[in-house]
Every structure is written in structure tokens, then in C-alpha cells.
Amino acid sequence: MTTKNKGIVSKLPLTISAQDGLVSQEEFFDKKVASTDLSSYLLLHLGDFAYNKSYSSGYPFGTIKRLEKYPQGVVSSLYIAFKPKSRISSNFMAQYYESSNWHKEIYKCAAEGARNHGLLNVSPTDFFATNLKIPIAKSEQLKIGKLLKDVDQTITLHEEKKRQLERLKSALLQKMFADKSGYPAVRFVGFENAWEQCKLGDVATFSKGTGYSKSDLIETGSPIILYGRLYTKYETKIRNVDTFVVPKAGSVVSKGGEVIVPGSGETAEDISIASVVEPAGILLGGDLNIIYPNTDLDPTFLAITISNGRPHFDMARRAQGKSIVHLHNADLKQILLKTPNLSEQKQICRIFESLDRTITLHDQKLRLLKYAKQSLLQKMFI
């Protein structure tokens, strides 16, 4: 199908997103990257397919998607556009091109060395000559297409629920902590007093972890938290550790409840975060700033406070360095906090812990659903 956009039937230039399919350039790039004259672009109607021959990591043979979001749109003439014949289920074909079964046919006509500026050298003639393995009975095509589409819709539903929970968490992080007035915008019933301001150094003591290097790591041994984990895999509470060492004499061992902040990282944003070490007995590695809150300061509340709002930005401002930035305990002691009484702190922590558990649950369901989808794509096509 090579219908050009003569007469400018559509003024909506599209691009292919591997995750979201055919989407407008403005949505994907935040701007139009198409030329001013769209008359030479290929015109797509709802249900038409387009093949982007650009290869990338995870998509060595490009991407084929169906237009589902808009009644019409246009794509670059570098794409190949087509629509299935009436005897072929469009849903089946959309799912077929989500699998990797078509790759071997593209490989035959785009052998190694036949690539140019990130594009596979596949002509429309060669593409339309590729062989597809499709059930003869359209009823079977329809059943396969429906099953896989139902899985897609379930994945989309869980993704949207997760986004809603994350938006709720973000809103509560802004509303449930005191502003300049000393009062939060959203508060539990029964709490009315202004939050008190103090320096972190006035309500906690500090220490550093024990230095270990990658060469000290072993497959099994004493669990250890290294500073790199904190800014590559942020968690409010660290419960499981997957790195191990043979402990050195005098190593710092967690008693449970410490708040830890990475001492170094690639950016100030990376290290302006804090986590709580939940189980006792974990070694605390070097380049970790270790905070021991006093009995009036809940560790989880402190970690959430440090990682969000004004304390987070204050820490980022204090981080020093160029290629590597650093934070020291002396910097952390100067951070200003606003805190309510211990009872209100614990109430706030409970709601965020509940949100985090629910978000994690949706993450787990999404991983299982996506794994199921990939398994079905491998097993339902030949």
C-alpha cells in the first residue's frame, strides 16, 4: 500500500514507538520532526500497518505496528505501509508482528552488511515477498488474536492502576508534609499542632560504613549494602540484599532501623535519597553515611522526608563535585527538617508503606502478565 498524502488529507505526522505503537510525533518527541510539506508522506487509515525499518536494541529487525489511536495519519516514505486482506484477521496480524516469527524472513532480504544509516535495507518488493505462517481458518485467527488482545488489555489496566497509585503517592508527598507555614495541607484527624523545625544534626547521630570493593564480593557470605545500590535501586526500606562478602574485623553491622544515604554518586539527584535498613545483621559498606535517629524520630519518616521535598533539594544543593559528587555527614547535619510528633509520623509512614506495597503488587502482576504474553507469542505462532 503506497497511498501518498496528496491534497494533504491528513496533517498528523506519526512515528512508531515500540511500546505505544503508532503515535503522533508531538506526543513522542514533544515536537514535529516531519517536513513542512506532507504530500510525499504515506497516508494511513485506522487499522493500517506500518513498518519502521530502523533497528535498535531489542528490535534488530525494526518494528511493525497498527494504527489504533487516530482515524488517519501520515508516516515517512521510508516506512512500508500495508493492510491485511479480508481473509486475514487484523488482530491476529497485529499480534503476529509482536512476536519474533517474522524476523527470519526479514533476515533473508536484509543480510548482514545491508544496513544504511540505521535502516535495514528492505525494499517494499522484498518485504511483501516474505512468507507468513497463518492459520487457514479465520476463526482460529480470531481466537488467537482475541486471547492475546485480552492479555494486552489486562496489562494496560494494571499499568494505568500503577500510574494512578504513583500519582496519588506524588500528590500526598506534596500535601502531607509541612510547608513554610509549619502545617501540612492534608492531615489526619486529631493532629493540629504546628510541625517543629530543627537541624538533622540535633536529632540524630552519624557514622560511616566500612570500606569494601568489588573484589571482596563472593557468591555467599555475609550480606552487605554498598553505596551503589542506593542510587541505582532506591527503596524506602531495604529488606533483601543480594551482595555478600567475608566480613572484615571491625565492620559496621546494622542493628536495624538505621537511615543510610550514599556518600557518592554520578549526580546530586542520585545521592539525595535515603533508605532504612530493616533487618539487623547486614554489613554497611564504605561511602555510606549512616544516620541513627533519636527516639522521637521515626526512621521511615526520616527517610521519606530526606528523599522528598525541601530536605531533598537542600541535600542536592550541598552535594559537591563534577564527574562524581559527594555528600558527607557534616552536610547532612545541616539539613533542616520539619517534624510532627512521633504518633503523626507513624501514621504518615503507614499510608506510604501501604501505597508502596500496592504499587509493588501491581509491578509483580505486570511482570507475570508480560511474561505470560511473551510465552504465548512464542507458543501460538509457528
Protein backbone atom coordinates (compact mmCIF):
# COMPACT_ATOMS: atom_id res chain seq x y z
CA MET A 1 0.00 0.00 0.00
CA THR A 2 1.68 3.21 -1.13
CA THR A 3 -1.09 5.81 -0.98
CA LYS A 4 0.53 9.24 -0.77
CA ASN A 5 -0.92 12.11 1.22
CA LYS A 6 -1.79 14.09 -1.90
CA GLY A 7 -4.07 17.00 -1.26
CA ILE A 8 -2.91 16.88 2.39
CA VAL A 9 -5.71 14.57 3.55
CA SER A 10 -4.01 14.37 6.96
CA LYS A 11 -1.77 16.85 8.77
CA LEU A 12 -0.89 14.40 11.58
CA PRO A 13 2.68 13.04 11.22
CA LEU A 14 3.20 9.78 13.09
CA THR A 15 6.14 7.79 14.36
CA ILE A 16 6.42 4.26 15.69
CA SER A 17 7.03 3.67 19.38
CA ALA A 18 7.94 0.09 20.22
CA GLN A 19 5.85 0.35 23.41
CA ASP A 20 2.94 2.56 22.30
CA GLY A 21 2.62 1.80 18.59
CA LEU A 22 1.88 4.50 16.02
CA VAL A 23 1.74 7.80 17.89
CA SER A 24 1.88 11.45 16.87
CA GLN A 25 5.35 12.95 16.61
CA GLU A 26 4.35 15.71 19.01
CA GLU A 27 3.38 13.12 21.64
CA PHE A 28 6.59 11.13 21.16
CA PHE A 29 9.19 13.86 20.56
CA ASP A 30 7.33 16.84 22.11
CA LYS A 31 7.62 18.46 18.68
CA LYS A 32 7.06 17.77 14.98
CA VAL A 33 10.10 16.45 13.17
CA ALA A 34 8.33 15.95 9.82
CA SER A 35 8.98 18.24 6.88
CA THR A 36 6.58 21.12 6.26
CA ASP A 37 5.28 19.52 3.06
CA LEU A 38 3.49 16.26 3.98
CA SER A 39 2.29 15.44 0.47
CA SER A 40 5.02 12.83 -0.11
CA TYR A 41 4.26 11.03 3.16
CA LEU A 42 2.28 7.77 3.21
CA LEU A 43 -1.34 8.11 4.28
CA LEU A 44 -2.58 5.63 6.90
CA HIS A 45 -6.16 4.94 7.93
CA LEU A 46 -7.34 3.35 11.17
CA GLY A 47 -6.30 -0.34 11.09
CA ASP A 48 -3.48 0.11 8.58
CA PHE A 49 0.01 -1.19 9.39
CA ALA A 50 3.39 0.49 9.04
CA TYR A 51 6.87 -0.98 9.14
CA ASN A 52 9.67 1.15 10.54
CA LYS A 53 12.88 -0.40 9.23
CA SER A 54 15.05 1.32 11.84
CA TYR A 55 16.82 -1.23 14.01
CA SER A 56 17.65 -0.68 17.67
CA SER A 57 18.49 -2.58 20.84
CA GLY A 58 15.82 -5.23 21.35
CA TYR A 59 14.40 -4.65 17.85
CA PRO A 60 17.07 -5.90 15.43
CA PHE A 61 14.63 -6.10 12.51
CA GLY A 62 12.65 -2.92 13.13
CA THR A 63 9.07 -2.58 14.32
CA ILE A 64 5.66 -3.17 12.72
CA LYS A 65 2.60 -1.54 14.29
CA ARG A 66 -1.08 -0.99 13.50
CA LEU A 67 -2.71 2.46 13.58
CA GLU A 68 -5.13 2.32 16.50
CA LYS A 69 -5.17 5.76 18.14
CA TYR A 70 -6.26 8.05 15.29
CA PRO A 71 -8.64 7.86 12.30
CA GLN A 72 -5.83 8.94 9.96
CA GLY A 73 -2.19 9.93 9.98
CA VAL A 74 0.91 10.04 7.81
CA VAL A 75 4.33 8.39 8.04
CA SER A 76 7.61 8.96 6.28
CA SER A 77 8.01 7.32 2.88
CA LEU A 78 10.92 5.41 4.44
CA TYR A 79 8.26 3.29 6.14
CA ILE A 80 6.41 0.46 4.40
CA ALA A 81 2.62 0.66 4.77
CA PHE A 82 0.04 -2.09 4.21
CA LYS A 83 -3.30 -3.52 5.29
CA PRO A 84 -4.34 -7.19 5.57
CA LYS A 85 -6.74 -8.72 3.08
CA SER A 86 -10.25 -9.61 4.24
CA ARG A 87 -9.43 -13.27 4.85
CA ILE A 88 -6.79 -12.27 7.42
CA SER A 89 -7.76 -11.14 10.91
CA SER A 90 -6.27 -7.72 11.63
CA ASN A 91 -5.98 -8.58 15.35
CA PHE A 92 -4.13 -11.77 14.51
CA MET A 93 -1.70 -9.90 12.27
CA ALA A 94 -1.11 -7.21 14.91
CA GLN A 95 -0.15 -9.93 17.42
CA TYR A 96 1.88 -11.86 14.85
CA TYR A 97 4.11 -8.83 14.40
CA GLU A 98 4.53 -8.58 18.18
CA SER A 99 6.26 -11.96 18.02
CA SER A 100 9.69 -12.60 16.52
CA ASN A 101 8.44 -15.16 13.99
CA TRP A 102 8.69 -12.71 11.08
CA HIS A 103 12.34 -11.86 11.79
CA LYS A 104 13.82 -14.80 9.92
CA GLU A 105 12.06 -13.75 6.73
CA ILE A 106 13.35 -10.18 7.04
CA TYR A 107 16.83 -11.56 7.71
CA LYS A 108 16.78 -13.27 4.30
CA CYS A 109 16.34 -9.97 2.50
CA ALA A 110 18.37 -7.77 4.88
CA ALA A 111 21.53 -9.77 5.37
CA GLU A 112 24.47 -8.52 7.41
CA GLY A 113 26.14 -5.57 5.75
CA ALA A 114 22.96 -4.42 4.04
CA ARG A 115 22.27 -1.63 6.51
CA ASN A 116 22.39 2.08 5.88
CA HIS A 117 22.26 4.91 8.46
CA GLY A 118 20.36 2.81 10.99
CA LEU A 119 17.86 1.47 8.43
CA LEU A 120 17.54 -2.11 7.26
CA ASN A 121 17.89 -2.29 3.50
CA VAL A 122 14.49 -3.90 2.88
CA SER A 123 12.59 -2.86 -0.22
CA PRO A 124 8.76 -2.95 -0.35
CA THR A 125 9.02 -5.69 -3.01
CA ASP A 126 11.19 -7.85 -0.74
CA PHE A 127 9.02 -7.16 2.29
CA PHE A 128 5.79 -8.19 0.57
CA ALA A 129 7.51 -11.34 -0.68
CA THR A 130 8.17 -12.56 2.88
CA ASN A 131 6.27 -15.67 3.95
CA LEU A 132 3.89 -15.62 6.92
CA LYS A 133 2.56 -18.69 8.70
CA ILE A 134 -1.12 -18.03 9.31
CA PRO A 135 -3.97 -20.46 10.20
CA ILE A 136 -6.14 -21.20 7.17
CA ALA A 137 -9.35 -20.87 9.19
CA LYS A 138 -10.10 -17.26 10.00
CA SER A 139 -11.99 -18.46 13.10
CA GLU A 140 -8.67 -19.70 14.56
CA GLN A 141 -7.01 -16.42 13.70
CA LEU A 142 -9.79 -14.55 15.50
CA LYS A 143 -9.48 -16.70 18.63
CA ILE A 144 -5.70 -16.25 18.82
CA GLY A 145 -6.00 -12.50 18.20
CA LYS A 146 -8.71 -12.11 20.85
CA LEU A 147 -6.82 -14.04 23.52
CA LEU A 148 -3.64 -12.02 23.06
CA LYS A 149 -5.55 -8.74 22.84
CA ASP A 150 -7.32 -9.59 26.12
CA VAL A 151 -3.92 -10.10 27.74
CA ASP A 152 -2.80 -6.73 26.35
CA GLN A 153 -5.87 -5.02 27.80
CA THR A 154 -5.21 -6.59 31.21
CA ILE A 155 -1.62 -5.36 31.09
CA THR A 156 -2.81 -1.87 30.14
CA LEU A 157 -5.31 -1.90 33.02
CA HIS A 158 -2.61 -2.76 35.58
CA GLU A 159 -0.25 -0.17 34.09
CA GLU A 160 -2.93 2.50 34.46
CA LYS A 161 -3.70 1.45 38.04
CA LYS A 162 0.01 1.66 38.84
CA ARG A 163 0.23 5.14 37.28
CA GLN A 164 -2.78 6.29 39.32
CA LEU A 165 -1.20 4.99 42.53
CA GLU A 166 2.09 6.70 41.70
CA ARG A 167 0.25 9.97 41.00
CA LEU A 168 -1.60 9.62 44.32
CA LYS A 169 1.68 9.00 46.14
CA SER A 170 3.29 12.01 44.47
CA ALA A 171 0.34 14.24 45.44
CA LEU A 172 0.40 13.04 49.05
CA LEU A 173 4.15 13.62 49.29
CA GLN A 174 3.45 17.25 48.43
CA LYS A 175 0.41 17.64 50.68
CA MET A 176 1.18 15.60 53.81
CA PHE A 177 4.42 17.36 54.77
CA ALA A 178 4.55 20.80 56.34
CA ASP A 179 5.15 23.82 54.13
CA LYS A 180 6.62 27.19 55.16
CA SER A 181 3.65 27.78 57.45
CA GLY A 182 4.61 24.75 59.53
CA TYR A 183 1.38 22.91 58.69
CA PRO A 184 0.65 20.27 56.02
CA ALA A 185 -2.23 20.80 53.56
CA VAL A 186 -3.60 17.28 54.21
CA ARG A 187 -3.63 15.86 57.71
CA PHE A 188 -5.06 13.01 59.76
CA VAL A 189 -7.89 13.84 62.16
CA GLY A 190 -6.69 14.57 65.68
CA PHE A 191 -3.43 16.31 64.82
CA GLU A 192 -3.45 20.11 64.97
CA ASN A 193 -0.10 21.40 66.27
CA ALA A 194 2.46 23.05 64.00
CA TRP A 195 5.41 20.91 62.97
CA GLU A 196 8.72 21.75 64.66
CA GLN A 197 11.78 22.77 62.66
CA CYS A 198 15.22 21.50 63.55
CA LYS A 199 18.57 20.58 62.05
CA LEU A 200 19.11 16.89 61.39
CA GLY A 201 22.28 17.08 63.46
CA ASP A 202 20.19 17.98 66.51
CA VAL A 203 18.01 14.86 66.37
CA ALA A 204 20.40 12.14 65.18
CA THR A 205 23.94 10.78 65.45
CA PHE A 206 26.10 9.78 62.49
CA SER A 207 28.79 7.35 61.36
CA LYS A 208 30.33 5.87 58.19
CA GLY A 209 30.33 2.34 56.83
CA THR A 210 33.32 0.04 56.35
CA GLY A 211 35.13 0.08 53.02
CA TYR A 212 34.76 -2.91 50.70
CA SER A 213 35.47 -3.19 46.97
CA LYS A 214 34.04 -5.30 44.14
CA SER A 215 36.97 -7.70 44.51
CA ASP A 216 35.71 -8.52 48.03
CA LEU A 217 32.35 -9.80 46.74
CA ILE A 218 31.63 -13.53 46.94
CA GLU A 219 28.64 -15.68 45.95
CA THR A 220 27.53 -16.43 49.52
CA GLY A 221 28.62 -14.96 52.83
CA SER A 222 27.67 -12.00 54.99
CA PRO A 223 25.12 -9.71 53.29
CA ILE A 224 26.31 -6.16 52.67
CA ILE A 225 24.79 -2.91 51.38
CA LEU A 226 27.11 -0.99 49.07
CA TYR A 227 26.54 2.66 48.23
CA GLY A 228 25.96 1.96 44.54
CA ARG A 229 22.80 0.00 45.32
CA LEU A 230 21.17 3.04 46.93
CA TYR A 231 21.18 5.28 43.87
CA THR A 232 20.61 2.56 41.29
CA LYS A 233 17.80 0.76 43.12
CA TYR A 234 16.11 3.16 45.51
CA GLU A 235 13.90 1.64 48.22
CA THR A 236 12.41 3.31 51.27
CA LYS A 237 13.13 0.12 53.21
CA ILE A 238 15.89 -2.34 52.36
CA ARG A 239 14.79 -5.83 53.30
CA ASN A 240 16.71 -8.11 50.92
CA VAL A 241 20.38 -7.91 49.99
CA ASP A 242 21.98 -9.84 47.12
CA THR A 243 25.67 -8.93 47.60
CA PHE A 244 27.94 -10.82 50.01
CA VAL A 245 31.45 -10.56 51.45
CA VAL A 246 33.70 -12.13 54.06
CA PRO A 247 33.42 -9.61 56.91
CA LYS A 248 36.47 -7.63 57.94
CA ALA A 249 37.37 -7.11 61.57
CA GLY A 250 35.58 -4.07 62.96
CA SER A 251 32.99 -3.91 60.16
CA VAL A 252 29.88 -1.81 60.79
CA VAL A 253 26.91 -4.14 61.26
CA SER A 254 23.32 -2.91 61.12
CA LYS A 255 21.20 -3.18 64.25
CA GLY A 256 18.11 -2.44 62.16
CA GLY A 257 16.50 0.96 61.79
CA GLU A 258 19.49 2.91 60.51
CA VAL A 259 18.87 5.50 57.81
CA ILE A 260 21.56 5.39 55.12
CA VAL A 261 22.48 7.95 52.46
CA PRO A 262 25.00 7.30 49.66
CA GLY A 263 28.17 9.32 50.10
CA SER A 264 29.00 9.43 46.38
CA GLY A 265 27.24 9.11 43.03
CA GLU A 266 27.04 10.37 39.49
CA THR A 267 24.60 13.22 40.16
CA ALA A 268 23.33 15.19 43.14
CA GLU A 269 19.84 13.80 42.48
CA ASP A 270 21.18 10.24 42.68
CA ILE A 271 22.54 10.64 46.19
CA SER A 272 19.98 12.98 47.75
CA ILE A 273 17.96 9.99 48.92
CA ALA A 274 17.75 7.83 52.00
CA SER A 275 16.75 4.26 52.85
CA VAL A 276 16.03 2.43 56.08
CA VAL A 277 17.90 -0.79 56.85
CA GLU A 278 15.16 -3.01 58.20
CA PRO A 279 16.74 -6.33 59.26
CA ALA A 280 19.60 -6.43 61.75
CA GLY A 281 22.88 -8.12 60.85
CA ILE A 282 23.55 -6.57 57.43
CA LEU A 283 27.01 -5.08 56.90
CA LEU A 284 27.10 -1.40 55.92
CA GLY A 285 29.72 -0.73 53.27
CA GLY A 286 32.05 2.21 52.83
CA ASP A 287 30.93 5.54 51.39
CA LEU A 288 27.65 5.23 53.21
CA ASN A 289 26.50 7.99 55.52
CA ILE A 290 24.75 6.26 58.43
CA ILE A 291 22.15 8.16 60.44
CA TYR A 292 20.86 6.97 63.82
CA PRO A 293 17.66 8.94 64.59
CA ASN A 294 16.81 9.62 68.20
CA THR A 295 13.73 8.05 69.79
CA ASP A 296 11.47 10.96 68.79
CA LEU A 297 12.18 10.50 65.08
CA ASP A 298 10.78 7.53 63.15
CA PRO A 299 13.45 6.16 60.74
CA THR A 300 10.98 5.60 57.90
CA PHE A 301 9.55 9.10 58.30
CA LEU A 302 13.10 10.49 58.17
CA ALA A 303 13.95 8.51 55.03
CA ILE A 304 10.79 9.68 53.25
CA THR A 305 11.41 13.28 54.37
CA ILE A 306 15.03 13.28 53.21
CA SER A 307 14.13 11.83 49.82
CA ASN A 308 11.31 14.29 49.09
CA GLY A 309 10.57 17.96 49.33
CA ARG A 310 12.83 20.65 50.73
CA PRO A 311 15.37 18.36 52.52
CA HIS A 312 15.95 16.53 49.22
CA PHE A 313 16.69 19.77 47.35
CA ASP A 314 18.79 21.06 50.25
CA MET A 315 20.92 17.92 50.12
CA ALA A 316 21.28 18.14 46.33
CA ARG A 317 22.42 21.75 46.71
CA ARG A 318 25.10 20.73 49.20
CA ALA A 319 26.49 17.87 47.07
CA GLN A 320 29.96 18.77 45.74
CA GLY A 321 31.90 17.50 42.75
CA LYS A 322 31.92 17.30 38.95
CA SER A 323 32.18 13.83 37.40
CA ILE A 324 31.46 12.32 40.84
CA VAL A 325 29.53 14.20 43.52
CA HIS A 326 29.85 13.69 47.25
CA LEU A 327 27.79 14.17 50.41
CA HIS A 328 29.28 13.98 53.88
CA ASN A 329 27.78 13.61 57.32
CA ALA A 330 28.81 17.19 58.00
CA ASP A 331 26.48 18.23 55.15
CA LEU A 332 23.62 16.07 56.42
CA LYS A 333 23.82 17.57 59.91
CA GLN A 334 22.90 20.98 58.47
CA ILE A 335 19.74 19.77 56.69
CA LEU A 336 16.60 21.45 58.03
CA LEU A 337 13.63 19.21 58.88
CA LYS A 338 10.06 19.91 59.86
CA THR A 339 8.65 17.11 62.01
CA PRO A 340 5.37 16.39 63.85
CA ASN A 341 5.11 14.27 66.98
CA LEU A 342 6.05 10.59 66.78
CA SER A 343 2.43 9.39 66.60
CA GLU A 344 1.70 11.51 63.50
CA GLN A 345 5.00 10.44 61.92
CA LYS A 346 3.99 6.78 62.24
CA GLN A 347 0.52 7.46 60.76
CA ILE A 348 2.14 9.12 57.73
CA CYS A 349 4.56 6.23 57.32
CA ARG A 350 1.74 3.69 57.36
CA ILE A 351 -0.07 5.28 54.45
CA PHE A 352 3.06 5.46 52.30
CA GLU A 353 4.07 1.91 53.18
CA SER A 354 0.59 0.76 52.15
CA LEU A 355 0.88 2.63 48.84
CA ASP A 356 4.33 1.17 48.20
CA ARG A 357 3.08 -2.37 48.87
CA THR A 358 0.19 -1.89 46.44
CA ILE A 359 2.46 -0.42 43.76
CA THR A 360 4.87 -3.34 44.22
CA LEU A 361 1.96 -5.78 43.88
CA HIS A 362 0.96 -4.22 40.55
CA ASP A 363 4.60 -4.40 39.43
CA GLN A 364 4.69 -8.11 40.21
CA LYS A 365 1.41 -8.71 38.36
CA LEU A 366 2.71 -6.75 35.37
CA ARG A 367 5.88 -8.82 35.22
CA LEU A 368 3.86 -12.04 35.32
CA LEU A 369 1.42 -10.83 32.66
CA LYS A 370 4.21 -9.69 30.35
CA TYR A 371 5.99 -12.99 30.83
CA ALA A 372 2.73 -14.83 30.01
CA LYS A 373 2.29 -12.68 26.89
CA GLN A 374 5.81 -13.45 25.67
CA SER A 375 5.28 -17.16 26.29
CA LEU A 376 2.03 -17.12 24.32
CA LEU A 377 3.70 -15.23 21.43
CA GLN A 378 6.36 -17.94 21.28
CA LYS A 379 3.98 -20.88 21.53
CA MET A 380 0.93 -19.77 19.50
CA PHE A 381 2.77 -18.96 16.27
CA ILE A 382 4.89 -21.27 14.13
